[in-house]
Amino acid sequence: MDETTMNTDMGASLMGGALGIIGLVIGIAAVVGMWKLFTKAGKPGFYAIIPLLNFKTLVDITGLPATYFWYFIIGSALSSVTLGITGIISLYVAFVVFRQLLRSFGKSDSVGNVIFYLFLSGFMIPYLGLSGATYQGVQSTSDVRALPWFK
């Protein structure tokens, strides 16, 4: 092994370690922000660290029926089998949940804003929790389409 290969390997190891630490810090900030979001909405904060329960709690906060949670889980689970077709269902459900979440915290629910929050959810959910946004309760879901089955 020559010196050039050894320096390249060491640089890659240091870069990987630094990226791991940055990811850990972002992950901790996301959990803290989601914890605060849940406590603002009157739910137990520790739900933020339980993987499926945190999305179920988001659905509950928005006032949507549990059907949305189940469609998201089923769509995500079957996405690799159906070559991504059911992933579209999960994306739609996430869009509706984020739209209602923004409404519940008094933010704009425009399509652009919802898409922005959806694709940057790792940063935007903690932002909602740590910012001065207040939970205004369940907002009207009259314009949300009812999903079939699981009623």
C-alpha atoms as a PDB file:
ATOM      1  CA  MET A   1       0.000   0.000   0.000  1.00  0.00           C
ATOM      2  CA  ASP A   2       1.558   3.273  -1.036  1.00  0.00           C
ATOM      3  CA  GLU A   3       1.282   6.622   0.732  1.00  0.00           C
ATOM      4  CA  THR A   4      -1.245   8.092  -1.735  1.00  0.00           C
ATOM      5  CA  THR A   5      -3.742   5.281  -1.185  1.00  0.00           C
ATOM      6  CA  MET A   6      -3.316   5.543   2.581  1.00  0.00           C
ATOM      7  CA  ASN A   7      -3.966   9.326   2.568  1.00  0.00           C
ATOM      8  CA  THR A   8      -7.067   8.874   0.376  1.00  0.00           C
ATOM      9  CA  ASP A   9      -8.464   6.208   2.696  1.00  0.00           C
ATOM     10  CA  MET A  10      -7.848   8.370   5.760  1.00  0.00           C
ATOM     11  CA  GLY A  11      -9.510  11.381   4.121  1.00  0.00           C
ATOM     12  CA  ALA A  12     -12.553   9.304   3.213  1.00  0.00           C
ATOM     13  CA  SER A  13     -12.787   8.009   6.783  1.00  0.00           C
ATOM     14  CA  LEU A  14     -12.610  11.512   8.228  1.00  0.00           C
ATOM     15  CA  MET A  15     -15.240  12.773   5.769  1.00  0.00           C
ATOM     16  CA  GLY A  16     -17.554   9.864   6.593  1.00  0.00           C
ATOM     17  CA  GLY A  17     -17.145  10.491  10.310  1.00  0.00           C
ATOM     18  CA  ALA A  18     -17.860  14.203   9.916  1.00  0.00           C
ATOM     19  CA  LEU A  19     -20.973  13.494   7.843  1.00  0.00           C
ATOM     20  CA  GLY A  20     -22.131  10.991  10.465  1.00  0.00           C
ATOM     21  CA  ILE A  21     -21.786  13.572  13.237  1.00  0.00           C
ATOM     22  CA  ILE A  22     -23.651  16.193  11.179  1.00  0.00           C
ATOM     23  CA  GLY A  23     -26.428  13.670  10.500  1.00  0.00           C
ATOM     24  CA  LEU A  24     -26.643  12.844  14.197  1.00  0.00           C
ATOM     25  CA  VAL A  25     -26.957  16.521  15.149  1.00  0.00           C
ATOM     26  CA  ILE A  26     -29.689  17.075  12.523  1.00  0.00           C
ATOM     27  CA  GLY A  27     -31.512  13.945  13.739  1.00  0.00           C
ATOM     28  CA  ILE A  28     -31.433  15.087  17.365  1.00  0.00           C
ATOM     29  CA  ALA A  29     -32.693  18.546  16.362  1.00  0.00           C
ATOM     30  CA  ALA A  30     -35.527  16.914  14.392  1.00  0.00           C
ATOM     31  CA  VAL A  31     -36.599  14.813  17.381  1.00  0.00           C
ATOM     32  CA  VAL A  32     -36.448  17.798  19.756  1.00  0.00           C
ATOM     33  CA  GLY A  33     -38.490  19.922  17.335  1.00  0.00           C
ATOM     34  CA  MET A  34     -41.090  17.199  16.816  1.00  0.00           C
ATOM     35  CA  TRP A  35     -41.252  16.672  20.589  1.00  0.00           C
ATOM     36  CA  LYS A  36     -42.057  20.388  21.030  1.00  0.00           C
ATOM     37  CA  LEU A  37     -44.612  20.219  18.185  1.00  0.00           C
ATOM     38  CA  PHE A  38     -46.437  17.369  19.907  1.00  0.00           C
ATOM     39  CA  THR A  39     -46.444  19.084  23.289  1.00  0.00           C
ATOM     40  CA  LYS A  40     -47.853  22.260  21.680  1.00  0.00           C
ATOM     41  CA  ALA A  41     -50.700  20.132  20.335  1.00  0.00           C
ATOM     42  CA  GLY A  42     -51.340  18.504  23.708  1.00  0.00           C
ATOM     43  CA  LYS A  43     -49.856  15.111  22.856  1.00  0.00           C
ATOM     44  CA  PRO A  44     -47.067  13.353  24.774  1.00  0.00           C
ATOM     45  CA  GLY A  45     -43.695  14.530  23.477  1.00  0.00           C
ATOM     46  CA  PHE A  46     -42.020  11.130  23.654  1.00  0.00           C
ATOM     47  CA  TYR A  47     -44.214  10.005  20.732  1.00  0.00           C
ATOM     48  CA  ALA A  48     -41.644  11.817  18.568  1.00  0.00           C
ATOM     49  CA  ILE A  49     -39.072   9.072  19.103  1.00  0.00           C
ATOM     50  CA  ILE A  50     -41.347   6.138  18.260  1.00  0.00           C
ATOM     51  CA  PRO A  51     -41.190   5.663  14.455  1.00  0.00           C
ATOM     52  CA  LEU A  52     -44.748   4.836  13.371  1.00  0.00           C
ATOM     53  CA  LEU A  53     -46.443   6.479  16.317  1.00  0.00           C
ATOM     54  CA  ASN A  54     -44.995   9.866  15.372  1.00  0.00           C
ATOM     55  CA  PHE A  55     -46.750   9.855  11.976  1.00  0.00           C
ATOM     56  CA  LYS A  56     -49.955   8.553  13.582  1.00  0.00           C
ATOM     57  CA  THR A  57     -49.760  11.437  16.049  1.00  0.00           C
ATOM     58  CA  LEU A  58     -49.344  13.915  13.172  1.00  0.00           C
ATOM     59  CA  VAL A  59     -52.499  12.474  11.604  1.00  0.00           C
ATOM     60  CA  ASP A  60     -54.323  12.807  14.944  1.00  0.00           C
ATOM     61  CA  ILE A  61     -53.167  16.418  15.406  1.00  0.00           C
ATOM     62  CA  THR A  62     -54.580  17.343  12.005  1.00  0.00           C
ATOM     63  CA  GLY A  63     -57.982  15.786  12.729  1.00  0.00           C
ATOM     64  CA  LEU A  64     -57.837  13.472   9.726  1.00  0.00           C
ATOM     65  CA  PRO A  65     -59.250   9.960  10.074  1.00  0.00           C
ATOM     66  CA  ALA A  66     -56.886   7.077  10.848  1.00  0.00           C
ATOM     67  CA  THR A  67     -57.419   5.927   7.258  1.00  0.00           C
ATOM     68  CA  TYR A  68     -54.685   8.341   6.192  1.00  0.00           C
ATOM     69  CA  PHE A  69     -52.179   6.675   8.494  1.00  0.00           C
ATOM     70  CA  TRP A  70     -52.995   3.212   7.163  1.00  0.00           C
ATOM     71  CA  TYR A  71     -52.825   4.299   3.531  1.00  0.00           C
ATOM     72  CA  PHE A  72     -49.417   5.846   4.176  1.00  0.00           C
ATOM     73  CA  ILE A  73     -48.107   2.653   5.825  1.00  0.00           C
ATOM     74  CA  ILE A  74     -49.519   0.324   3.181  1.00  0.00           C
ATOM     75  CA  GLY A  75     -48.352   2.549   0.328  1.00  0.00           C
ATOM     76  CA  SER A  76     -44.839   2.764   1.763  1.00  0.00           C
ATOM     77  CA  ALA A  77     -44.620  -0.951   2.491  1.00  0.00           C
ATOM     78  CA  LEU A  78     -45.767  -2.011  -0.978  1.00  0.00           C
ATOM     79  CA  SER A  79     -43.858   0.641  -2.907  1.00  0.00           C
ATOM     80  CA  SER A  80     -40.911  -1.604  -3.766  1.00  0.00           C
ATOM     81  CA  VAL A  81     -43.195  -4.461  -4.840  1.00  0.00           C
ATOM     82  CA  THR A  82     -45.391  -2.280  -7.061  1.00  0.00           C
ATOM     83  CA  LEU A  83     -42.433  -0.444  -8.611  1.00  0.00           C
ATOM     84  CA  GLY A  84     -43.351   2.804  -6.868  1.00  0.00           C
ATOM     85  CA  ILE A  85     -46.998   3.011  -7.886  1.00  0.00           C
ATOM     86  CA  THR A  86     -48.254   2.793  -4.301  1.00  0.00           C
ATOM     87  CA  GLY A  87     -45.612   5.337  -3.342  1.00  0.00           C
ATOM     88  CA  ILE A  88     -47.783   7.881  -5.128  1.00  0.00           C
ATOM     89  CA  ILE A  89     -50.544   7.106  -2.619  1.00  0.00           C
ATOM     90  CA  SER A  90     -48.122   7.686   0.257  1.00  0.00           C
ATOM     91  CA  LEU A  91     -47.017  10.962  -1.287  1.00  0.00           C
ATOM     92  CA  TYR A  92     -50.638  12.117  -1.632  1.00  0.00           C
ATOM     93  CA  VAL A  93     -51.386  11.178   1.983  1.00  0.00           C
ATOM     94  CA  ALA A  94     -48.269  13.000   3.203  1.00  0.00           C
ATOM     95  CA  PHE A  95     -49.320  16.062   1.177  1.00  0.00           C
ATOM     96  CA  VAL A  96     -52.779  16.104   2.781  1.00  0.00           C
ATOM     97  CA  VAL A  97     -51.380  15.559   6.284  1.00  0.00           C
ATOM     98  CA  PHE A  98     -48.852  18.382   5.874  1.00  0.00           C
ATOM     99  CA  ARG A  99     -51.529  20.678   4.460  1.00  0.00           C
ATOM    100  CA  GLN A 100     -53.742  20.079   7.477  1.00  0.00           C
ATOM    101  CA  LEU A 101     -50.755  20.405   9.825  1.00  0.00           C
ATOM    102  CA  LEU A 102     -49.966  23.836   8.396  1.00  0.00           C
ATOM    103  CA  ARG A 103     -53.611  24.836   8.813  1.00  0.00           C
ATOM    104  CA  SER A 104     -53.553  23.625  12.430  1.00  0.00           C
ATOM    105  CA  PHE A 105     -50.613  25.910  13.179  1.00  0.00           C
ATOM    106  CA  GLY A 106     -52.019  28.930  11.342  1.00  0.00           C
ATOM    107  CA  LYS A 107     -49.599  28.770   8.411  1.00  0.00           C
ATOM    108  CA  SER A 108     -50.414  29.181   4.721  1.00  0.00           C
ATOM    109  CA  ASP A 109     -51.673  25.962   3.134  1.00  0.00           C
ATOM    110  CA  SER A 110     -50.888  26.977  -0.442  1.00  0.00           C
ATOM    111  CA  VAL A 111     -49.644  24.200  -2.713  1.00  0.00           C
ATOM    112  CA  GLY A 112     -46.149  25.692  -2.934  1.00  0.00           C
ATOM    113  CA  ASN A 113     -45.849  26.045   0.825  1.00  0.00           C
ATOM    114  CA  VAL A 114     -47.082  22.490   1.424  1.00  0.00           C
ATOM    115  CA  ILE A 115     -44.613  21.065  -1.119  1.00  0.00           C
ATOM    116  CA  PHE A 116     -41.802  23.083   0.481  1.00  0.00           C
ATOM    117  CA  TYR A 117     -42.681  21.735   3.942  1.00  0.00           C
ATOM    118  CA  LEU A 118     -43.151  18.212   2.589  1.00  0.00           C
ATOM    119  CA  PHE A 119     -39.778  17.902   0.889  1.00  0.00           C
ATOM    120  CA  LEU A 120     -37.928  19.632   3.714  1.00  0.00           C
ATOM    121  CA  SER A 121     -39.965  17.956   6.456  1.00  0.00           C
ATOM    122  CA  GLY A 122     -36.826  17.016   8.389  1.00  0.00           C
ATOM    123  CA  PHE A 123     -36.233  20.718   8.930  1.00  0.00           C
ATOM    124  CA  MET A 124     -39.725  22.177   8.742  1.00  0.00           C
ATOM    125  CA  ILE A 125     -41.504  20.017  11.336  1.00  0.00           C
ATOM    126  CA  PRO A 126     -38.875  20.939  13.948  1.00  0.00           C
ATOM    127  CA  TYR A 127     -39.209  24.548  12.791  1.00  0.00           C
ATOM    128  CA  LEU A 128     -42.946  24.449  13.527  1.00  0.00           C
ATOM    129  CA  GLY A 129     -42.219  22.968  16.937  1.00  0.00           C
ATOM    130  CA  LEU A 130     -39.452  25.353  17.915  1.00  0.00           C
ATOM    131  CA  SER A 131     -40.885  28.541  16.399  1.00  0.00           C
ATOM    132  CA  GLY A 132     -43.523  30.764  17.916  1.00  0.00           C
ATOM    133  CA  ALA A 133     -46.291  29.045  15.940  1.00  0.00           C
ATOM    134  CA  THR A 134     -49.202  28.076  18.158  1.00  0.00           C
ATOM    135  CA  TYR A 135     -51.492  25.121  17.731  1.00  0.00           C
ATOM    136  CA  GLN A 136     -54.950  26.383  16.810  1.00  0.00           C
ATOM    137  CA  GLY A 137     -56.720  23.063  17.045  1.00  0.00           C
ATOM    138  CA  VAL A 138     -58.184  20.836  14.391  1.00  0.00           C
ATOM    139  CA  GLN A 139     -59.155  22.798  11.283  1.00  0.00           C
ATOM    140  CA  SER A 140     -61.906  22.004   8.814  1.00  0.00           C
ATOM    141  CA  THR A 141     -61.314  18.943   6.680  1.00  0.00           C
ATOM    142  CA  SER A 142     -64.368  19.475   4.494  1.00  0.00           C
ATOM    143  CA  ASP A 143     -62.289  19.972   1.346  1.00  0.00           C
ATOM    144  CA  VAL A 144     -60.251  16.793   1.913  1.00  0.00           C
ATOM    145  CA  ARG A 145     -61.374  13.769  -0.073  1.00  0.00           C
ATOM    146  CA  ALA A 146     -62.412  10.757   1.943  1.00  0.00           C
ATOM    147  CA  LEU A 147     -60.300   7.721   1.174  1.00  0.00           C
ATOM    148  CA  PRO A 148     -62.120   4.429   0.553  1.00  0.00           C
ATOM    149  CA  TRP A 149     -61.883   1.330   2.768  1.00  0.00           C
ATOM    150  CA  PHE A 150     -60.660   1.232   6.380  1.00  0.00           C
ATOM    151  CA  LYS A 151     -63.504   3.441   7.660  1.00  0.00           C
END
